[in-house]
Amino acid sequence: MSAESEIKRRIRERGTNGKITFAEFMEVALYWPQGGYYSGGEPVGAHGDYYTSTAVHPSFGALLAVQLFQMWHQLGCPKPFTVLELGAGNGLLCRDIRSYATKLSERFAEALRYICLDRRPTMAYESGTARTSRVLADGSPFKGLTGCILSNEYLDAFPVHQVVMTADGLKEVYVGLDGKELVDLADEPSEPGLARRLDDLTIELAPGQTAEINLALDRWARDIAATLERGFVLTVDYGRTAKDLYDPEARRRGTLVTYHQHVQTDAPLTLIGRQDITAQVDFTSVAIVGEKAGLETLGMVSQREFLINLGLEHLQLQLLDRGLSPQQVQANLAGISDLVRPDGLGNFKVLAQAKNIGSPPLWGLDHTEEAAALVAGLPPPVLTEHHLSLPDGRNLGGEAGFEDFWPT
């Protein structure tokens, strides 16, 4: 049964005037085993529907390795130092981090134990890498880890509820049927937690305003806190603070978008199973639920600030001394520049949290000479066959998708 057929079956199962929440619709559309979006081919890359920082240039993984190296030291150089990557996908980020770890320190590289966690099987670029494993699970099956839990563009794939403020108060947006066609319906909220989330954030939606609420964050935070005995949580994603995210003037229609083959479609009830559906992350709520679960918030910066603080400019300058052809230099510089583009990937947010280690300063959150000196003495990573080459576009076609289509 296709994802669309399963959605319609569930609606009909509810009886006359049946409906399901948008969160349930999104869960099936994305993750249904027979035809859900993520059950098909690899959606990331030139031939998929979008691409991520990992695919743009290996400097992203390299500088994450630099941050992990500092975390390892702050934890007392434990062996093993475990990195658990949530939603690891094809494992390219793992490959880039492990590759650069060997340049940072042989002891660090030997201590680094990397776990690629995902709920779906996929191609695995990290296969054959020493001290690396891949686990298929929905949620974390681990306990007592010392190290860092890492997620890159993971929370944005969580199913979200949609709400709208009407003249009769807060209503939830459901998906129902009009004959054979899927349609939006507004009715009383299915969960008291929807109104409570807005109240906790002191957010009051304007009349007619639509918004998305991710109630799965609470369970995620408890799961992560239970997994981590001592160490850090690093979350990289597109999103905003709650005040900005729910601004009625800037984002009156919310932030939910859909796109197919690098083109924004904004029609979630069509192309079911063949297009991505995503919404911006509420980082205020991520921090709050994390604190309730026992995670201390260390700080949040833009991806641009994070990578520059870790020495991205040094990697960029050193490319000129690698003996690359002019075309290779151009491709690498384009990729590095795109990682920090203010109106694109550079505007993503990086949230750092910690457990049972106090509030140590992190290189990525504030510029330090220590990080700059370390990176300045290391060779820069260069594009491989597994990464995108932005100058030639790799047959992207149309308007390239950077997952940055939302209103500024």
Protein backbone atom coordinates (compact mmCIF):
# COMPACT_ATOMS: atom_id res chain seq x y z
CA MET A 1 0.00 0.00 0.00
CA SER A 2 1.41 3.41 -0.98
CA ALA A 3 1.78 6.23 1.51
CA GLU A 4 -1.14 8.09 -0.05
CA SER A 5 -3.34 4.99 0.10
CA GLU A 6 -2.43 4.45 3.74
CA ILE A 7 -3.29 8.07 4.58
CA LYS A 8 -6.70 7.76 2.91
CA ARG A 9 -7.32 4.42 4.63
CA ARG A 10 -6.65 5.96 8.02
CA ILE A 11 -8.99 8.86 7.31
CA ARG A 12 -11.81 6.55 6.19
CA GLU A 13 -11.20 4.36 9.25
CA ARG A 14 -12.15 7.36 11.43
CA GLY A 15 -15.69 7.16 9.99
CA THR A 16 -17.89 9.90 8.59
CA ASN A 17 -16.02 13.22 8.47
CA GLY A 18 -12.85 11.34 9.39
CA LYS A 19 -9.57 13.19 9.65
CA ILE A 20 -6.00 12.80 10.87
CA THR A 21 -3.62 15.38 12.30
CA PHE A 22 -1.08 16.92 10.00
CA ALA A 23 1.61 15.31 12.16
CA GLU A 24 0.21 11.85 11.41
CA PHE A 25 -0.10 12.73 7.72
CA MET A 26 3.53 13.90 7.66
CA GLU A 27 4.74 10.78 9.48
CA VAL A 28 3.17 8.50 6.86
CA ALA A 29 4.14 10.68 3.89
CA LEU A 30 7.79 10.69 4.94
CA TYR A 31 8.34 7.35 6.65
CA TRP A 32 5.74 4.82 5.45
CA PRO A 33 7.76 1.68 4.57
CA GLN A 34 6.01 1.18 1.24
CA GLY A 35 6.45 4.46 -0.60
CA GLY A 36 7.18 7.04 2.08
CA TYR A 37 9.60 9.75 0.99
CA TYR A 38 12.51 8.46 3.05
CA SER A 39 11.85 4.82 2.15
CA GLY A 40 12.88 5.45 -1.45
CA GLY A 41 16.23 6.42 -2.93
CA GLU A 42 18.74 8.80 -1.41
CA PRO A 43 17.05 12.26 -1.32
CA VAL A 44 20.27 14.19 -0.64
CA GLY A 45 22.57 15.32 -3.43
CA ALA A 46 22.56 16.45 -7.02
CA HIS A 47 20.06 13.81 -8.12
CA GLY A 48 17.87 14.08 -5.02
CA ASP A 49 15.60 16.89 -3.85
CA TYR A 50 17.99 18.90 -1.71
CA TYR A 51 21.53 18.97 -0.45
CA THR A 52 23.10 19.69 2.92
CA SER A 53 26.25 21.27 4.31
CA THR A 54 27.86 17.85 4.41
CA ALA A 55 27.51 17.45 0.65
CA VAL A 56 28.66 20.99 -0.16
CA HIS A 57 32.21 20.65 1.16
CA PRO A 58 34.22 18.36 3.50
CA SER A 59 35.31 21.44 5.47
CA PHE A 60 32.00 21.16 7.31
CA GLY A 61 32.92 17.73 8.68
CA ALA A 62 36.53 18.75 9.20
CA LEU A 63 35.63 21.67 11.44
CA LEU A 64 33.11 19.58 13.34
CA ALA A 65 36.04 17.23 13.97
CA VAL A 66 37.98 20.20 15.38
CA GLN A 67 35.11 20.95 17.76
CA LEU A 68 34.85 17.29 18.76
CA PHE A 69 38.61 17.26 19.40
CA GLN A 70 38.21 20.07 21.93
CA MET A 71 35.25 18.29 23.54
CA TRP A 72 37.38 15.15 23.88
CA HIS A 73 40.00 17.14 25.76
CA GLN A 74 37.38 18.76 28.00
CA LEU A 75 36.12 15.30 28.96
CA GLY A 76 39.64 14.20 29.93
CA CYS A 77 40.53 12.38 26.67
CA PRO A 78 38.31 9.32 27.31
CA LYS A 79 38.70 6.15 25.29
CA PRO A 80 36.29 5.55 23.76
CA PHE A 81 34.98 9.00 22.93
CA THR A 82 31.66 8.18 21.28
CA VAL A 83 30.01 10.31 18.61
CA LEU A 84 26.41 9.27 18.00
CA GLU A 85 25.12 10.89 14.82
CA LEU A 86 21.33 11.02 14.63
CA GLY A 87 19.83 10.66 11.16
CA ALA A 88 23.24 9.86 9.71
CA GLY A 89 21.86 9.14 6.24
CA ASN A 90 24.55 8.07 3.80
CA GLY A 91 27.37 8.45 6.34
CA LEU A 92 29.28 11.13 4.44
CA LEU A 93 29.57 13.35 7.51
CA CYS A 94 31.01 10.43 9.46
CA ARG A 95 33.54 9.84 6.70
CA ASP A 96 34.62 13.50 6.65
CA ILE A 97 34.90 13.75 10.44
CA ARG A 98 36.91 10.54 10.76
CA SER A 99 39.18 11.55 7.90
CA TYR A 100 40.09 14.86 9.52
CA ALA A 101 40.37 13.36 13.00
CA THR A 102 43.50 11.51 11.86
CA LYS A 103 45.12 14.87 11.03
CA LEU A 104 44.25 16.37 14.42
CA SER A 105 45.68 13.68 16.67
CA GLU A 106 46.45 9.99 16.38
CA ARG A 107 45.28 9.47 19.98
CA PHE A 108 42.01 11.27 19.25
CA ALA A 109 41.44 9.26 16.06
CA GLU A 110 42.01 6.01 17.96
CA ALA A 111 39.68 7.05 20.80
CA LEU A 112 36.91 8.15 18.41
CA ARG A 113 34.07 5.63 18.20
CA TYR A 114 31.45 6.72 15.67
CA ILE A 115 27.89 5.39 15.51
CA CYS A 116 25.69 6.25 12.51
CA LEU A 117 22.07 6.00 13.69
CA ASP A 118 19.19 6.14 11.26
CA ARG A 119 15.68 4.73 11.00
CA ARG A 120 16.09 3.74 7.36
CA PRO A 121 18.61 1.69 5.41
CA THR A 122 20.62 3.60 2.82
CA MET A 123 23.94 3.64 1.00
CA ALA A 124 26.80 3.88 3.46
CA TYR A 125 29.86 5.94 2.54
CA GLU A 126 31.36 5.24 5.96
CA SER A 127 31.41 1.45 5.41
CA GLY A 128 34.77 -0.11 6.17
CA THR A 129 35.88 2.75 8.39
CA ALA A 130 37.56 1.53 11.57
CA ARG A 131 35.70 1.95 14.89
CA THR A 132 32.52 2.92 13.04
CA SER A 133 29.15 1.19 13.21
CA ARG A 134 25.71 1.69 11.71
CA VAL A 135 22.53 1.07 13.69
CA LEU A 136 18.96 1.10 12.34
CA ALA A 137 16.52 2.29 14.99
CA ASP A 138 13.78 4.85 15.60
CA GLY A 139 15.13 6.61 18.67
CA SER A 140 18.33 5.90 20.55
CA PRO A 141 18.85 2.35 21.88
CA PHE A 142 21.99 3.39 23.79
CA LYS A 143 22.66 4.33 27.40
CA GLY A 144 25.64 5.67 29.29
CA LEU A 145 27.62 7.17 26.42
CA THR A 146 30.52 9.54 26.99
CA GLY A 147 31.15 11.86 24.08
CA CYS A 148 28.88 13.88 21.80
CA ILE A 149 25.43 13.35 20.28
CA LEU A 150 25.44 15.07 16.91
CA SER A 151 22.52 15.90 14.66
CA ASN A 152 22.72 17.76 11.36
CA GLU A 153 19.38 18.65 9.76
CA TYR A 154 17.63 15.99 11.84
CA LEU A 155 14.97 17.78 13.90
CA ASP A 156 13.52 19.47 10.82
CA ALA A 157 12.33 16.05 9.62
CA PHE A 158 10.15 15.49 12.72
CA PRO A 159 6.41 15.47 11.96
CA VAL A 160 4.77 18.68 13.15
CA HIS A 161 1.25 19.68 14.11
CA GLN A 162 -0.23 22.70 12.36
CA VAL A 163 -2.42 25.21 14.17
CA VAL A 164 -4.28 28.31 13.09
CA MET A 165 -5.72 31.17 15.13
CA THR A 166 -9.35 31.76 14.22
CA ALA A 167 -12.09 34.07 15.51
CA ASP A 168 -13.14 31.15 17.73
CA GLY A 169 -9.68 30.63 19.19
CA LEU A 170 -6.84 28.21 18.46
CA LYS A 171 -7.72 25.41 16.03
CA GLU A 172 -5.66 22.55 14.66
CA VAL A 173 -5.24 21.85 10.95
CA TYR A 174 -6.21 18.28 10.04
CA VAL A 175 -6.15 16.32 6.78
CA GLY A 176 -9.46 14.90 5.58
CA LEU A 177 -11.13 13.71 2.39
CA ASP A 178 -13.46 15.47 -0.01
CA GLY A 179 -14.48 12.63 -2.27
CA LYS A 180 -11.13 11.20 -3.34
CA GLU A 181 -9.15 14.37 -2.75
CA LEU A 182 -7.17 15.18 0.38
CA VAL A 183 -8.14 18.52 1.94
CA ASP A 184 -7.25 20.69 4.94
CA LEU A 185 -9.74 20.91 7.80
CA ALA A 186 -9.72 23.02 10.95
CA ASP A 187 -11.08 21.67 14.24
CA GLU A 188 -10.42 21.61 17.97
CA PRO A 189 -6.81 20.78 18.92
CA SER A 190 -6.07 17.08 19.30
CA GLU A 191 -3.56 17.70 22.11
CA PRO A 192 -3.65 20.16 25.02
CA GLY A 193 0.11 20.33 24.60
CA LEU A 194 -0.33 22.52 21.50
CA ALA A 195 -1.81 25.45 23.38
CA ARG A 196 0.46 24.76 26.34
CA ARG A 197 3.58 25.00 24.14
CA LEU A 198 2.55 28.47 22.94
CA ASP A 199 1.67 29.53 26.50
CA ASP A 200 5.04 28.31 27.80
CA LEU A 201 6.75 30.41 25.13
CA THR A 202 4.46 33.41 25.84
CA ILE A 203 3.54 33.35 22.16
CA GLU A 204 0.16 34.71 21.08
CA LEU A 205 -0.69 34.01 17.45
CA ALA A 206 -2.35 36.78 15.46
CA PRO A 207 -5.83 36.24 13.93
CA GLY A 208 -5.45 34.14 10.79
CA GLN A 209 -1.86 33.14 11.57
CA THR A 210 -0.76 29.55 10.88
CA ALA A 211 2.09 27.92 12.78
CA GLU A 212 3.82 24.56 13.23
CA ILE A 213 4.45 22.93 16.62
CA ASN A 214 6.80 20.00 17.15
CA LEU A 215 5.50 18.07 20.17
CA ALA A 216 7.98 15.24 19.55
CA LEU A 217 10.79 17.41 20.92
CA ASP A 218 9.94 16.46 24.52
CA ARG A 219 10.41 12.76 23.92
CA TRP A 220 13.55 13.44 21.87
CA ALA A 221 15.14 15.44 24.71
CA ARG A 222 14.37 12.75 27.29
CA ASP A 223 15.76 10.08 24.95
CA ILE A 224 18.98 12.01 24.32
CA ALA A 225 19.51 12.87 27.98
CA ALA A 226 19.05 9.20 28.92
CA THR A 227 21.54 8.16 26.22
CA LEU A 228 24.29 10.55 27.32
CA GLU A 229 26.05 9.88 30.61
CA ARG A 230 28.57 12.70 30.20
CA GLY A 231 29.33 14.98 27.32
CA PHE A 232 27.74 17.21 24.71
CA VAL A 233 24.82 17.54 22.31
CA LEU A 234 25.41 19.50 19.09
CA THR A 235 22.38 20.34 16.95
CA VAL A 236 22.74 21.96 13.52
CA ASP A 237 19.57 22.88 11.66
CA TYR A 238 17.57 25.63 10.01
CA GLY A 239 15.35 27.42 12.49
CA ARG A 240 14.92 30.37 14.79
CA THR A 241 14.20 31.42 18.33
CA ALA A 242 10.50 31.15 19.16
CA LYS A 243 9.96 34.91 19.14
CA ASP A 244 11.34 35.12 15.62
CA LEU A 245 9.82 31.87 14.38
CA TYR A 246 6.28 32.84 15.38
CA ASP A 247 6.53 36.48 14.30
CA PRO A 248 3.07 37.18 12.80
CA GLU A 249 4.35 39.76 10.35
CA ALA A 250 7.33 37.82 8.98
CA ARG A 251 5.88 34.29 9.08
CA ARG A 252 2.12 34.60 9.07
CA ARG A 253 1.73 31.36 7.08
CA GLY A 254 4.24 29.41 9.18
CA THR A 255 7.41 27.84 7.83
CA LEU A 256 6.24 24.51 6.39
CA VAL A 257 7.60 23.94 2.88
CA THR A 258 7.77 21.07 0.43
CA TYR A 259 10.17 20.58 -2.45
CA HIS A 260 10.76 18.11 -5.21
CA GLN A 261 13.89 17.77 -7.34
CA HIS A 262 15.40 20.99 -5.95
CA VAL A 263 12.25 23.02 -6.68
CA GLN A 264 9.97 24.39 -3.97
CA THR A 265 6.40 23.17 -4.42
CA ASP A 266 4.60 24.21 -1.20
CA ALA A 267 1.78 21.71 -1.76
CA PRO A 268 2.03 19.04 0.97
CA LEU A 269 -1.13 17.17 -0.05
CA THR A 270 0.31 16.37 -3.48
CA LEU A 271 3.26 14.24 -4.65
CA ILE A 272 2.90 12.20 -1.46
CA GLY A 273 5.99 10.10 -0.90
CA ARG A 274 7.82 11.87 -3.73
CA GLN A 275 8.61 15.22 -2.10
CA ASP A 276 10.13 16.34 1.16
CA ILE A 277 8.05 18.09 3.84
CA THR A 278 9.84 20.14 6.44
CA ALA A 279 9.46 23.02 8.87
CA GLN A 280 11.92 25.27 10.65
CA VAL A 281 13.09 24.26 14.11
CA ASP A 282 11.95 26.13 17.23
CA PHE A 283 15.34 26.37 18.96
CA THR A 284 13.87 28.02 22.07
CA SER A 285 11.78 24.92 22.69
CA VAL A 286 14.73 22.64 21.92
CA ALA A 287 16.71 24.38 24.66
CA ILE A 288 13.81 24.41 27.13
CA VAL A 289 12.90 20.72 26.78
CA GLY A 290 16.59 19.88 26.94
CA GLU A 291 16.98 21.73 30.24
CA LYS A 292 13.94 19.94 31.64
CA ALA A 293 15.57 16.62 30.68
CA GLY A 294 18.89 17.51 32.32
CA LEU A 295 20.86 19.14 29.49
CA GLU A 296 22.56 22.48 30.10
CA THR A 297 22.40 25.04 27.30
CA LEU A 298 25.90 26.28 26.43
CA GLY A 299 24.96 28.65 23.64
CA MET A 300 23.72 29.06 20.08
CA VAL A 301 25.30 30.75 17.08
CA SER A 302 24.74 30.76 13.34
CA GLN A 303 26.52 28.14 11.25
CA ARG A 304 28.50 30.99 9.69
CA GLU A 305 29.79 32.10 13.11
CA PHE A 306 30.42 28.53 14.22
CA LEU A 307 32.57 27.58 11.22
CA ILE A 308 34.47 30.87 11.15
CA ASN A 309 35.18 30.56 14.89
CA LEU A 310 36.65 27.12 14.21
CA GLY A 311 38.99 28.38 11.48
CA LEU A 312 37.16 28.09 8.15
CA GLU A 313 39.02 31.07 6.73
CA HIS A 314 42.35 29.32 7.29
CA LEU A 315 41.15 26.29 5.34
CA GLN A 316 40.04 28.59 2.54
CA LEU A 317 43.41 30.32 2.33
CA GLN A 318 45.38 27.08 2.42
CA LEU A 319 43.56 25.73 -0.64
CA LEU A 320 45.74 27.94 -2.80
CA ASP A 321 48.82 26.00 -1.68
CA ARG A 322 47.51 22.53 -2.49
CA GLY A 323 48.62 22.46 -6.13
CA LEU A 324 45.05 22.19 -7.41
CA SER A 325 43.98 23.18 -10.91
CA PRO A 326 42.15 26.52 -11.31
CA GLN A 327 38.89 24.59 -11.80
CA GLN A 328 39.45 22.58 -8.62
CA VAL A 329 40.28 25.70 -6.65
CA GLN A 330 37.11 27.37 -7.94
CA ALA A 331 34.94 24.39 -7.01
CA ASN A 332 36.42 24.13 -3.51
CA LEU A 333 36.18 27.84 -2.81
CA ALA A 334 32.58 27.87 -4.01
CA GLY A 335 31.71 25.03 -1.63
CA ILE A 336 33.41 26.64 1.35
CA SER A 337 31.77 30.00 0.63
CA ASP A 338 28.36 28.37 0.41
CA LEU A 339 28.72 26.89 3.90
CA VAL A 340 28.67 30.41 5.37
CA ARG A 341 26.39 32.20 2.92
CA PRO A 342 24.35 34.55 5.18
CA ASP A 343 21.10 34.04 3.26
CA GLY A 344 21.54 30.26 3.02
CA LEU A 345 23.44 27.57 4.90
CA GLY A 346 25.33 30.16 6.92
CA ASN A 347 22.07 31.21 8.57
CA PHE A 348 21.46 27.74 10.00
CA LYS A 349 21.77 27.55 13.78
CA VAL A 350 24.16 25.53 15.93
CA LEU A 351 22.93 24.79 19.45
CA ALA A 352 25.36 23.32 22.01
CA GLN A 353 24.16 21.53 25.15
CA ALA A 354 26.00 19.54 27.79
CA LYS A 355 25.42 17.01 30.56
CA ASN A 356 27.47 16.39 33.71
CA ILE A 357 30.39 18.55 32.62
CA GLY A 358 29.40 22.06 33.72
CA SER A 359 29.59 24.95 31.26
CA PRO A 360 32.90 24.64 29.40
CA PRO A 361 33.67 27.20 26.66
CA LEU A 362 33.47 25.79 23.16
CA TRP A 363 35.64 27.01 20.29
CA GLY A 364 32.69 27.06 17.92
CA LEU A 365 30.68 29.42 20.11
CA ASP A 366 33.35 32.10 20.45
CA HIS A 367 36.46 33.01 18.46
CA THR A 368 39.72 31.85 20.06
CA GLU A 369 43.33 31.97 18.92
CA GLU A 370 43.72 28.35 20.06
CA ALA A 371 41.32 26.99 17.43
CA ALA A 372 42.74 29.27 14.74
CA ALA A 373 46.32 28.19 15.47
CA LEU A 374 45.38 24.52 15.37
CA VAL A 375 43.58 24.74 12.02
CA ALA A 376 46.20 27.04 10.49
CA GLY A 377 48.76 24.27 10.85
CA LEU A 378 46.67 21.59 9.15
CA PRO A 379 46.04 20.82 5.46
CA PRO A 380 42.59 21.73 4.13
CA PRO A 381 40.20 19.00 2.99
CA VAL A 382 39.21 19.02 -0.66
CA LEU A 383 36.16 17.90 -2.58
CA THR A 384 35.86 14.20 -3.37
CA GLU A 385 33.65 12.28 -5.77
CA HIS A 386 31.08 12.00 -2.97
CA HIS A 387 30.61 15.77 -2.65
CA LEU A 388 28.85 18.24 -4.90
CA SER A 389 30.65 20.59 -7.25
CA LEU A 390 28.66 23.81 -7.13
CA PRO A 391 30.20 25.54 -10.20
CA ASP A 392 29.09 22.81 -12.59
CA GLY A 393 25.79 22.26 -10.76
CA ARG A 394 25.93 18.48 -11.18
CA ASN A 395 22.69 18.52 -13.21
CA LEU A 396 20.73 20.24 -10.45
CA GLY A 397 18.36 21.91 -12.87
CA GLY A 398 15.82 24.57 -11.96
CA GLU A 399 16.47 26.57 -8.82
CA ALA A 400 18.88 24.70 -6.59
CA GLY A 401 17.51 23.68 -3.21
CA PHE A 402 19.57 24.73 -0.19
CA GLU A 403 16.69 24.22 2.26
CA ASP A 404 16.66 28.00 2.71
CA PHE A 405 13.41 28.94 0.98
CA TRP A 406 11.64 30.38 4.03
CA PRO A 407 10.86 34.07 4.40
CA THR A 408 13.70 36.07 5.93
